[in-house]
Amino acid sequence: TTTTTTADKPYAIARGDGSTGGGGLPMPKKRKGNEEEEEGDKNDNLVRPKVGAEMPKGRPSWFRVPAPSQQEKSRYSEVKSSLADLNLHTVCEEAQCPNIGECWNGGTGTIMLLGDTCTRGCMFCAVNTDSKPPPPDPFEPFKTAEAVTQWGVDYIVLTS
């Protein structure tokens, strides 16, 4: 047998399965012989990337997330003001997550324990990083408990 590198062949061929797709889109079904397309496949309106082809223009509709509700009585506003009042932090705010409104309005709360600084320094993350973060707030456990009871959320994520 002879071995070739991936530089000699397109990725889909080099990996041996012949599949294409990706980018969060479903893989196209392999057809055997003259099988007819399933009814759902005819009208799926998905743009599937091809190896070596031009990238699709724009983003799919599901990729867009609505902005958080700025109404005074929204769950998002309540959580945001509570965090400010209690001097707590969330990874959602610190990392500038675009899904913050969807989570907070949907009943998920997040609290970043031990302050707003992370010691890991991941290159993809927007959280403040320092090898020697400031000392933790001794009242943070009590503030965290108060926030969880105030919010009335369905699910809480605690991270540090």
N, C-alpha and C. Protein backbone atom coordinates (compact mmCIF):
# COMPACT_ATOMS: atom_id res chain seq x y z
N THR A 1 0.83 -1.19 0.00
CA THR A 1 0.00 0.00 0.00
C THR A 1 0.87 1.25 0.00
N THR A 2 0.37 2.28 -0.66
CA THR A 2 1.09 3.55 -0.68
C THR A 2 0.34 4.54 0.20
N THR A 3 1.10 5.38 0.84
CA THR A 3 0.48 6.39 1.71
C THR A 3 0.64 7.75 1.07
N THR A 4 -0.41 8.54 1.13
CA THR A 4 -0.32 9.91 0.63
C THR A 4 -0.72 10.85 1.75
N THR A 5 -0.20 12.02 1.70
CA THR A 5 -0.54 13.01 2.73
C THR A 5 -1.80 13.74 2.33
N THR A 6 -2.38 14.43 3.29
CA THR A 6 -3.60 15.19 3.01
C THR A 6 -3.33 16.36 2.08
N ALA A 7 -2.06 16.78 1.96
CA ALA A 7 -1.74 17.87 1.05
C ALA A 7 -1.93 17.45 -0.40
N ASP A 8 -1.84 16.13 -0.66
CA ASP A 8 -2.01 15.63 -2.02
C ASP A 8 -3.46 15.53 -2.45
N LYS A 9 -4.37 15.44 -1.49
CA LYS A 9 -5.77 15.20 -1.80
C LYS A 9 -6.66 16.15 -1.00
N PRO A 10 -7.87 16.43 -1.50
CA PRO A 10 -8.82 17.20 -0.70
C PRO A 10 -9.13 16.46 0.60
N TYR A 11 -9.48 17.21 1.64
CA TYR A 11 -9.71 16.65 2.98
C TYR A 11 -10.71 15.49 2.97
N ALA A 12 -11.86 15.66 2.29
CA ALA A 12 -12.90 14.63 2.30
C ALA A 12 -12.41 13.33 1.71
N ILE A 13 -11.57 13.40 0.69
CA ILE A 13 -11.06 12.19 0.06
C ILE A 13 -9.95 11.60 0.93
N ALA A 14 -9.08 12.46 1.46
CA ALA A 14 -7.95 12.00 2.25
C ALA A 14 -8.39 11.26 3.50
N ARG A 15 -9.49 11.68 4.11
CA ARG A 15 -9.91 11.00 5.34
C ARG A 15 -10.61 9.69 5.05
N GLY A 16 -10.96 9.44 3.79
CA GLY A 16 -11.43 8.13 3.40
C GLY A 16 -12.92 7.89 3.42
N ASP A 17 -13.71 8.77 4.03
CA ASP A 17 -15.14 8.49 4.09
C ASP A 17 -15.93 9.20 3.00
N GLY A 18 -15.30 10.14 2.31
CA GLY A 18 -15.96 10.82 1.21
C GLY A 18 -17.03 11.80 1.65
N SER A 19 -17.19 12.01 2.96
CA SER A 19 -18.23 12.91 3.45
C SER A 19 -17.86 14.36 3.20
N THR A 20 -18.87 15.17 3.05
CA THR A 20 -18.68 16.62 3.00
C THR A 20 -19.66 17.21 3.99
N GLY A 21 -19.61 18.49 4.17
CA GLY A 21 -20.54 19.13 5.10
C GLY A 21 -19.78 19.73 6.25
N GLY A 22 -20.50 20.10 7.26
CA GLY A 22 -19.89 20.71 8.43
C GLY A 22 -20.48 22.07 8.67
N GLY A 23 -19.83 22.84 9.50
CA GLY A 23 -20.33 24.17 9.80
C GLY A 23 -21.66 24.15 10.52
N GLY A 24 -21.94 23.09 11.27
CA GLY A 24 -23.19 23.00 12.00
C GLY A 24 -24.35 22.50 11.17
N LEU A 25 -24.09 22.19 9.91
CA LEU A 25 -25.17 21.71 9.04
C LEU A 25 -25.16 20.20 9.01
N PRO A 26 -26.34 19.60 8.78
CA PRO A 26 -26.38 18.14 8.72
C PRO A 26 -25.60 17.61 7.53
N MET A 27 -25.04 16.45 7.71
CA MET A 27 -24.29 15.82 6.63
C MET A 27 -25.29 15.32 5.58
N PRO A 28 -24.96 15.46 4.30
CA PRO A 28 -25.87 14.94 3.29
C PRO A 28 -25.89 13.41 3.35
N LYS A 29 -27.06 12.85 3.09
CA LYS A 29 -27.18 11.40 3.12
C LYS A 29 -26.53 10.82 1.87
N LYS A 30 -25.84 9.73 2.04
CA LYS A 30 -25.24 9.05 0.89
C LYS A 30 -26.34 8.29 0.15
N ARG A 31 -26.30 8.37 -1.14
CA ARG A 31 -27.29 7.70 -1.98
C ARG A 31 -26.68 6.43 -2.55
N LYS A 32 -27.43 5.38 -2.54
CA LYS A 32 -26.97 4.14 -3.16
C LYS A 32 -27.81 3.91 -4.41
N GLY A 33 -27.14 3.80 -5.52
CA GLY A 33 -27.85 3.52 -6.76
C GLY A 33 -28.79 4.65 -7.12
N ASN A 34 -30.02 4.29 -7.51
CA ASN A 34 -31.01 5.27 -7.94
C ASN A 34 -32.11 5.46 -6.90
N GLU A 35 -31.75 5.42 -5.63
CA GLU A 35 -32.76 5.61 -4.60
C GLU A 35 -33.36 7.00 -4.72
N GLU A 36 -34.66 7.10 -4.50
CA GLU A 36 -35.32 8.39 -4.57
C GLU A 36 -35.05 9.16 -3.29
N GLU A 37 -35.05 10.50 -3.42
CA GLU A 37 -34.85 11.34 -2.24
C GLU A 37 -36.04 11.23 -1.31
N GLU A 38 -35.75 11.32 -0.03
CA GLU A 38 -36.83 11.33 0.93
C GLU A 38 -37.55 12.67 0.83
N GLU A 39 -38.81 12.73 1.22
CA GLU A 39 -39.62 13.93 1.11
C GLU A 39 -38.99 15.12 1.85
N GLY A 40 -38.42 14.89 3.03
CA GLY A 40 -37.83 15.96 3.82
C GLY A 40 -36.58 16.54 3.18
N ASP A 41 -35.86 15.74 2.38
CA ASP A 41 -34.63 16.21 1.78
C ASP A 41 -34.88 17.18 0.62
N LYS A 42 -36.03 17.08 -0.03
CA LYS A 42 -36.29 17.89 -1.21
C LYS A 42 -36.38 19.37 -0.87
N ASN A 43 -36.96 19.69 0.27
CA ASN A 43 -37.23 21.09 0.60
C ASN A 43 -36.50 21.56 1.84
N ASP A 44 -35.35 21.00 2.13
CA ASP A 44 -34.68 21.42 3.36
C ASP A 44 -34.00 22.78 3.24
N ASN A 45 -33.81 23.29 2.01
CA ASN A 45 -33.26 24.61 1.75
C ASN A 45 -31.95 24.89 2.48
N LEU A 46 -31.16 23.89 2.74
CA LEU A 46 -29.87 24.08 3.39
C LEU A 46 -28.79 24.24 2.35
N VAL A 47 -27.87 25.13 2.62
CA VAL A 47 -26.71 25.29 1.77
C VAL A 47 -25.59 24.50 2.40
N ARG A 48 -25.16 23.48 1.73
CA ARG A 48 -24.10 22.63 2.27
C ARG A 48 -22.76 23.02 1.66
N PRO A 49 -21.78 23.32 2.49
CA PRO A 49 -20.46 23.65 1.93
C PRO A 49 -19.84 22.46 1.23
N LYS A 50 -19.12 22.71 0.19
CA LYS A 50 -18.41 21.68 -0.55
C LYS A 50 -16.92 21.95 -0.43
N VAL A 51 -16.13 20.90 -0.44
CA VAL A 51 -14.68 21.05 -0.36
C VAL A 51 -14.20 21.84 -1.56
N GLY A 52 -13.47 22.91 -1.30
CA GLY A 52 -12.92 23.74 -2.36
C GLY A 52 -13.89 24.74 -2.94
N ALA A 53 -15.16 24.71 -2.52
CA ALA A 53 -16.15 25.64 -3.07
C ALA A 53 -16.16 26.93 -2.25
N GLU A 54 -16.81 27.94 -2.78
CA GLU A 54 -16.94 29.22 -2.10
C GLU A 54 -17.84 29.06 -0.86
N MET A 55 -17.51 29.79 0.19
CA MET A 55 -18.30 29.72 1.42
C MET A 55 -19.67 30.33 1.18
N PRO A 56 -20.72 29.81 1.84
CA PRO A 56 -22.05 30.39 1.70
C PRO A 56 -22.08 31.83 2.19
N LYS A 57 -22.92 32.64 1.58
CA LYS A 57 -23.04 34.05 1.96
C LYS A 57 -24.00 34.17 3.15
N GLY A 58 -23.68 35.01 4.09
CA GLY A 58 -24.57 35.28 5.21
C GLY A 58 -24.59 34.15 6.22
N ARG A 59 -25.42 34.32 7.23
CA ARG A 59 -25.55 33.33 8.29
C ARG A 59 -26.97 32.77 8.28
N PRO A 60 -27.13 31.53 8.75
CA PRO A 60 -28.48 30.97 8.77
C PRO A 60 -29.36 31.70 9.80
N SER A 61 -30.67 31.62 9.63
CA SER A 61 -31.60 32.34 10.50
C SER A 61 -31.46 31.93 11.95
N TRP A 62 -31.16 30.66 12.23
CA TRP A 62 -31.05 30.20 13.60
C TRP A 62 -29.81 30.74 14.30
N PHE A 63 -28.88 31.32 13.53
CA PHE A 63 -27.64 31.82 14.10
C PHE A 63 -27.84 33.16 14.81
N ARG A 64 -28.87 33.88 14.41
CA ARG A 64 -29.13 35.19 15.00
C ARG A 64 -29.89 35.04 16.31
N VAL A 65 -29.43 35.76 17.33
CA VAL A 65 -30.06 35.72 18.64
C VAL A 65 -30.63 37.09 18.92
N PRO A 66 -31.89 37.17 19.38
CA PRO A 66 -32.44 38.49 19.67
C PRO A 66 -31.72 39.14 20.85
N ALA A 67 -31.68 40.46 20.84
CA ALA A 67 -31.06 41.21 21.93
C ALA A 67 -31.86 40.98 23.21
N PRO A 68 -31.19 41.06 24.37
CA PRO A 68 -31.91 40.90 25.63
C PRO A 68 -32.98 41.96 25.80
N SER A 69 -34.05 41.58 26.45
CA SER A 69 -35.15 42.51 26.69
C SER A 69 -34.70 43.60 27.65
N GLN A 70 -34.95 44.85 27.31
CA GLN A 70 -34.58 45.96 28.17
C GLN A 70 -35.77 46.45 29.00
N GLN A 71 -36.89 45.71 28.94
CA GLN A 71 -38.05 46.11 29.74
C GLN A 71 -37.71 46.01 31.22
N GLU A 72 -38.24 46.92 31.98
CA GLU A 72 -37.91 47.00 33.40
C GLU A 72 -38.30 45.74 34.17
N LYS A 73 -39.37 45.08 33.78
CA LYS A 73 -39.86 43.91 34.51
C LYS A 73 -39.41 42.58 33.91
N SER A 74 -38.51 42.60 32.94
CA SER A 74 -38.06 41.34 32.35
C SER A 74 -37.14 40.62 33.33
N ARG A 75 -37.06 39.32 33.18
CA ARG A 75 -36.18 38.52 34.04
C ARG A 75 -34.73 38.93 33.83
N TYR A 76 -34.38 39.26 32.60
CA TYR A 76 -33.01 39.71 32.29
C TYR A 76 -32.66 40.96 33.10
N SER A 77 -33.54 41.95 33.11
CA SER A 77 -33.29 43.19 33.84
C SER A 77 -33.19 42.95 35.34
N GLU A 78 -34.03 42.06 35.85
CA GLU A 78 -33.98 41.75 37.28
C GLU A 78 -32.66 41.10 37.66
N VAL A 79 -32.21 40.15 36.86
CA VAL A 79 -30.94 39.47 37.14
C VAL A 79 -29.78 40.46 37.05
N LYS A 80 -29.79 41.28 36.01
CA LYS A 80 -28.69 42.24 35.81
C LYS A 80 -28.61 43.24 36.97
N SER A 81 -29.73 43.78 37.41
CA SER A 81 -29.70 44.75 38.51
C SER A 81 -29.33 44.06 39.83
N SER A 82 -29.79 42.83 40.01
CA SER A 82 -29.45 42.08 41.22
C SER A 82 -27.95 41.83 41.30
N LEU A 83 -27.33 41.50 40.18
CA LEU A 83 -25.89 41.28 40.15
C LEU A 83 -25.14 42.54 40.53
N ALA A 84 -25.60 43.67 40.02
CA ALA A 84 -24.95 44.94 40.35
C ALA A 84 -25.11 45.28 41.83
N ASP A 85 -26.33 45.09 42.36
CA ASP A 85 -26.60 45.40 43.77
C ASP A 85 -25.77 44.54 44.72
N LEU A 86 -25.61 43.26 44.36
CA LEU A 86 -24.89 42.32 45.22
C LEU A 86 -23.40 42.24 44.92
N ASN A 87 -22.94 43.01 43.92
CA ASN A 87 -21.55 43.00 43.50
C ASN A 87 -21.08 41.58 43.15
N LEU A 88 -21.92 40.89 42.35
CA LEU A 88 -21.58 39.56 41.85
C LEU A 88 -21.26 39.66 40.37
N HIS A 89 -20.64 38.63 39.84
CA HIS A 89 -20.23 38.62 38.44
C HIS A 89 -20.72 37.33 37.79
N THR A 90 -20.89 37.38 36.47
CA THR A 90 -21.26 36.17 35.73
C THR A 90 -20.30 35.99 34.57
N VAL A 91 -20.08 34.76 34.21
CA VAL A 91 -19.24 34.48 33.06
C VAL A 91 -19.93 35.00 31.79
N CYS A 92 -21.24 35.06 31.80
CA CYS A 92 -21.98 35.57 30.64
C CYS A 92 -21.60 37.02 30.34
N GLU A 93 -21.61 37.85 31.38
CA GLU A 93 -21.26 39.26 31.19
C GLU A 93 -19.76 39.42 30.94
N GLU A 94 -18.95 38.76 31.73
CA GLU A 94 -17.50 38.92 31.61
C GLU A 94 -16.99 38.43 30.26
N ALA A 95 -17.58 37.36 29.73
CA ALA A 95 -17.14 36.80 28.45
C ALA A 95 -17.89 37.42 27.27
N GLN A 96 -18.80 38.35 27.55
CA GLN A 96 -19.59 39.02 26.52
C GLN A 96 -20.36 38.03 25.65
N CYS A 97 -21.03 37.10 26.30
CA CYS A 97 -21.78 36.06 25.59
C CYS A 97 -22.98 36.66 24.85
N PRO A 98 -23.15 36.35 23.57
CA PRO A 98 -24.29 36.89 22.83
C PRO A 98 -25.63 36.25 23.21
N ASN A 99 -25.61 35.13 23.91
CA ASN A 99 -26.84 34.43 24.28
C ASN A 99 -27.34 34.79 25.68
N ILE A 100 -26.79 35.81 26.29
CA ILE A 100 -27.10 36.15 27.67
C ILE A 100 -28.59 36.38 27.89
N GLY A 101 -29.24 37.09 27.00
CA GLY A 101 -30.68 37.38 27.15
C GLY A 101 -31.51 36.13 27.04
N GLU A 102 -31.15 35.25 26.12
CA GLU A 102 -31.89 34.01 25.93
C GLU A 102 -31.83 33.14 27.18
N CYS A 103 -30.65 33.05 27.79
CA CYS A 103 -30.49 32.24 29.00
C CYS A 103 -31.21 32.86 30.19
N TRP A 104 -30.91 34.12 30.46
CA TRP A 104 -31.47 34.76 31.65
C TRP A 104 -32.98 34.89 31.56
N ASN A 105 -33.51 35.23 30.39
CA ASN A 105 -34.96 35.31 30.24
C ASN A 105 -35.60 33.93 30.25
N GLY A 106 -34.83 32.91 29.88
CA GLY A 106 -35.35 31.55 29.82
C GLY A 106 -35.30 30.80 31.13
N GLY A 107 -34.81 31.41 32.20
CA GLY A 107 -34.82 30.75 33.50
C GLY A 107 -33.50 30.14 33.92
N THR A 108 -32.40 30.51 33.25
CA THR A 108 -31.08 30.02 33.65
C THR A 108 -30.30 31.19 34.23
N GLY A 109 -29.74 31.00 35.41
CA GLY A 109 -28.91 32.02 36.02
C GLY A 109 -27.47 31.56 36.08
N THR A 110 -26.55 32.51 36.06
CA THR A 110 -25.13 32.16 36.13
C THR A 110 -24.45 33.07 37.13
N ILE A 111 -23.53 32.53 37.89
CA ILE A 111 -22.72 33.32 38.81
C ILE A 111 -21.28 32.84 38.70
N MET A 112 -20.38 33.80 38.57
CA MET A 112 -18.96 33.51 38.51
C MET A 112 -18.40 33.69 39.92
N LEU A 113 -18.01 32.61 40.53
CA LEU A 113 -17.51 32.63 41.90
C LEU A 113 -16.07 33.15 41.95
N LEU A 114 -15.68 33.66 43.09
CA LEU A 114 -14.32 34.15 43.36
C LEU A 114 -13.96 35.37 42.52
N GLY A 115 -14.95 36.21 42.22
CA GLY A 115 -14.70 37.47 41.53
C GLY A 115 -14.85 37.39 40.03
N ASP A 116 -14.38 38.45 39.36
CA ASP A 116 -14.55 38.56 37.92
C ASP A 116 -13.29 38.22 37.14
N THR A 117 -12.30 37.66 37.82
CA THR A 117 -11.00 37.38 37.18
C THR A 117 -10.74 35.88 37.12
N CYS A 118 -10.27 35.43 35.98
CA CYS A 118 -9.94 34.03 35.77
C CYS A 118 -8.42 33.89 35.69
N THR A 119 -7.91 32.76 36.12
CA THR A 119 -6.46 32.54 36.08
C THR A 119 -6.03 31.69 34.89
N ARG A 120 -6.97 31.22 34.08
CA ARG A 120 -6.62 30.30 33.00
C ARG A 120 -6.06 30.99 31.77
N GLY A 121 -6.63 32.11 31.37
CA GLY A 121 -6.11 32.85 30.22
C GLY A 121 -6.35 32.20 28.88
N CYS A 122 -7.52 31.62 28.67
CA CYS A 122 -7.84 31.03 27.37
C CYS A 122 -7.88 32.13 26.31
N MET A 123 -7.30 31.89 25.17
CA MET A 123 -7.18 32.90 24.12
C MET A 123 -8.52 33.25 23.47
N PHE A 124 -9.50 32.36 23.54
CA PHE A 124 -10.78 32.59 22.88
C PHE A 124 -11.78 33.32 23.77
N CYS A 125 -11.44 33.54 25.03
CA CYS A 125 -12.39 34.05 26.02
C CYS A 125 -12.13 35.51 26.34
N ALA A 126 -13.20 36.26 26.62
CA ALA A 126 -13.09 37.68 26.93
C ALA A 126 -13.06 37.97 28.42
N VAL A 127 -13.03 36.94 29.26
CA VAL A 127 -13.01 37.14 30.71
C VAL A 127 -11.67 37.75 31.12
N ASN A 128 -11.72 38.70 32.06
CA ASN A 128 -10.51 39.32 32.60
C ASN A 128 -9.60 38.23 33.16
N THR A 129 -8.31 38.30 32.84
CA THR A 129 -7.36 37.27 33.24
C THR A 129 -6.21 37.89 34.03
N ASP A 130 -5.80 37.20 35.08
CA ASP A 130 -4.66 37.63 35.88
C ASP A 130 -4.11 36.41 36.61
N SER A 131 -2.79 36.32 36.69
CA SER A 131 -2.20 35.17 37.38
C SER A 131 -2.38 35.28 38.90
N LYS A 132 -2.58 36.51 39.39
CA LYS A 132 -2.83 36.72 40.82
C LYS A 132 -4.09 37.57 40.98
N PRO A 133 -5.27 36.94 40.96
CA PRO A 133 -6.51 37.71 41.07
C PRO A 133 -6.64 38.34 42.47
N PRO A 134 -7.51 39.33 42.60
CA PRO A 134 -7.71 39.93 43.91
C PRO A 134 -8.31 38.91 44.88
N PRO A 135 -8.16 39.14 46.17
CA PRO A 135 -8.71 38.17 47.14
C PRO A 135 -10.23 38.09 47.03
N PRO A 136 -10.80 36.91 47.29
CA PRO A 136 -12.26 36.76 47.17
C PRO A 136 -13.00 37.54 48.26
N ASP A 137 -14.22 37.91 47.93
CA ASP A 137 -15.10 38.59 48.87
C ASP A 137 -15.57 37.57 49.92
N PRO A 138 -15.33 37.81 51.21
CA PRO A 138 -15.73 36.83 52.22
C PRO A 138 -17.25 36.67 52.32
N PHE A 139 -18.01 37.64 51.81
CA PHE A 139 -19.47 37.56 51.87
C PHE A 139 -20.08 37.01 50.58
N GLU A 140 -19.23 36.64 49.62
CA GLU A 140 -19.73 36.16 48.34
C GLU A 140 -20.66 34.95 48.46
N PRO A 141 -20.39 33.96 49.32
CA PRO A 141 -21.33 32.84 49.44
C PRO A 141 -22.73 33.28 49.87
N PHE A 142 -22.81 34.26 50.75
CA PHE A 142 -24.11 34.76 51.21
C PHE A 142 -24.81 35.55 50.11
N LYS A 143 -24.03 36.36 49.39
CA LYS A 143 -24.58 37.12 48.27
C LYS A 143 -25.08 36.18 47.17
N THR A 144 -24.34 35.12 46.93
CA THR A 144 -24.73 34.13 45.92
C THR A 144 -26.05 33.47 46.30
N ALA A 145 -26.17 33.07 47.56
CA ALA A 145 -27.41 32.44 48.03
C ALA A 145 -28.58 33.40 47.90
N GLU A 146 -28.36 34.67 48.23
CA GLU A 146 -29.42 35.67 48.12
C GLU A 146 -29.85 35.86 46.68
N ALA A 147 -28.88 35.92 45.77
CA ALA A 147 -29.19 36.10 44.35
C ALA A 147 -30.02 34.94 43.82
N VAL A 148 -29.63 33.72 44.16
CA VAL A 148 -30.35 32.54 43.67
C VAL A 148 -31.81 32.56 44.15
N THR A 149 -32.02 32.93 45.41
CA THR A 149 -33.41 32.96 45.93
C THR A 149 -34.20 34.12 45.32
N GLN A 150 -33.55 35.26 45.07
CA GLN A 150 -34.24 36.42 44.45
C GLN A 150 -34.67 36.13 43.03
N TRP A 151 -33.80 35.49 42.26
CA TRP A 151 -34.06 35.32 40.84
C TRP A 151 -35.20 34.36 40.54
N GLY A 152 -35.37 33.34 41.35
CA GLY A 152 -36.40 32.35 41.06
C GLY A 152 -36.16 31.63 39.75
N VAL A 153 -34.90 31.34 39.45
CA VAL A 153 -34.56 30.69 38.18
C VAL A 153 -34.82 29.19 38.26
N ASP A 154 -34.91 28.57 37.10
CA ASP A 154 -35.14 27.13 37.01
C ASP A 154 -33.82 26.35 37.13
N TYR A 155 -32.72 27.01 36.79
CA TYR A 155 -31.44 26.34 36.70
C TYR A 155 -30.36 27.37 37.01
N ILE A 156 -29.35 26.98 37.75
CA ILE A 156 -28.27 27.91 38.09
C ILE A 156 -26.92 27.28 37.72
N VAL A 157 -26.05 28.08 37.13
CA VAL A 157 -24.71 27.64 36.76
C VAL A 157 -23.73 28.41 37.64
N LEU A 158 -22.94 27.70 38.42
CA LEU A 158 -21.89 28.32 39.24
C LEU A 158 -20.55 27.96 38.63
N THR A 159 -19.75 28.96 38.32
CA THR A 159 -18.45 28.72 37.71
C THR A 159 -17.41 29.60 38.38
N SER A 160 -16.16 29.24 38.26
CA SER A 160 -15.10 30.07 38.84
C SER A 160 -13.95 30.20 37.87
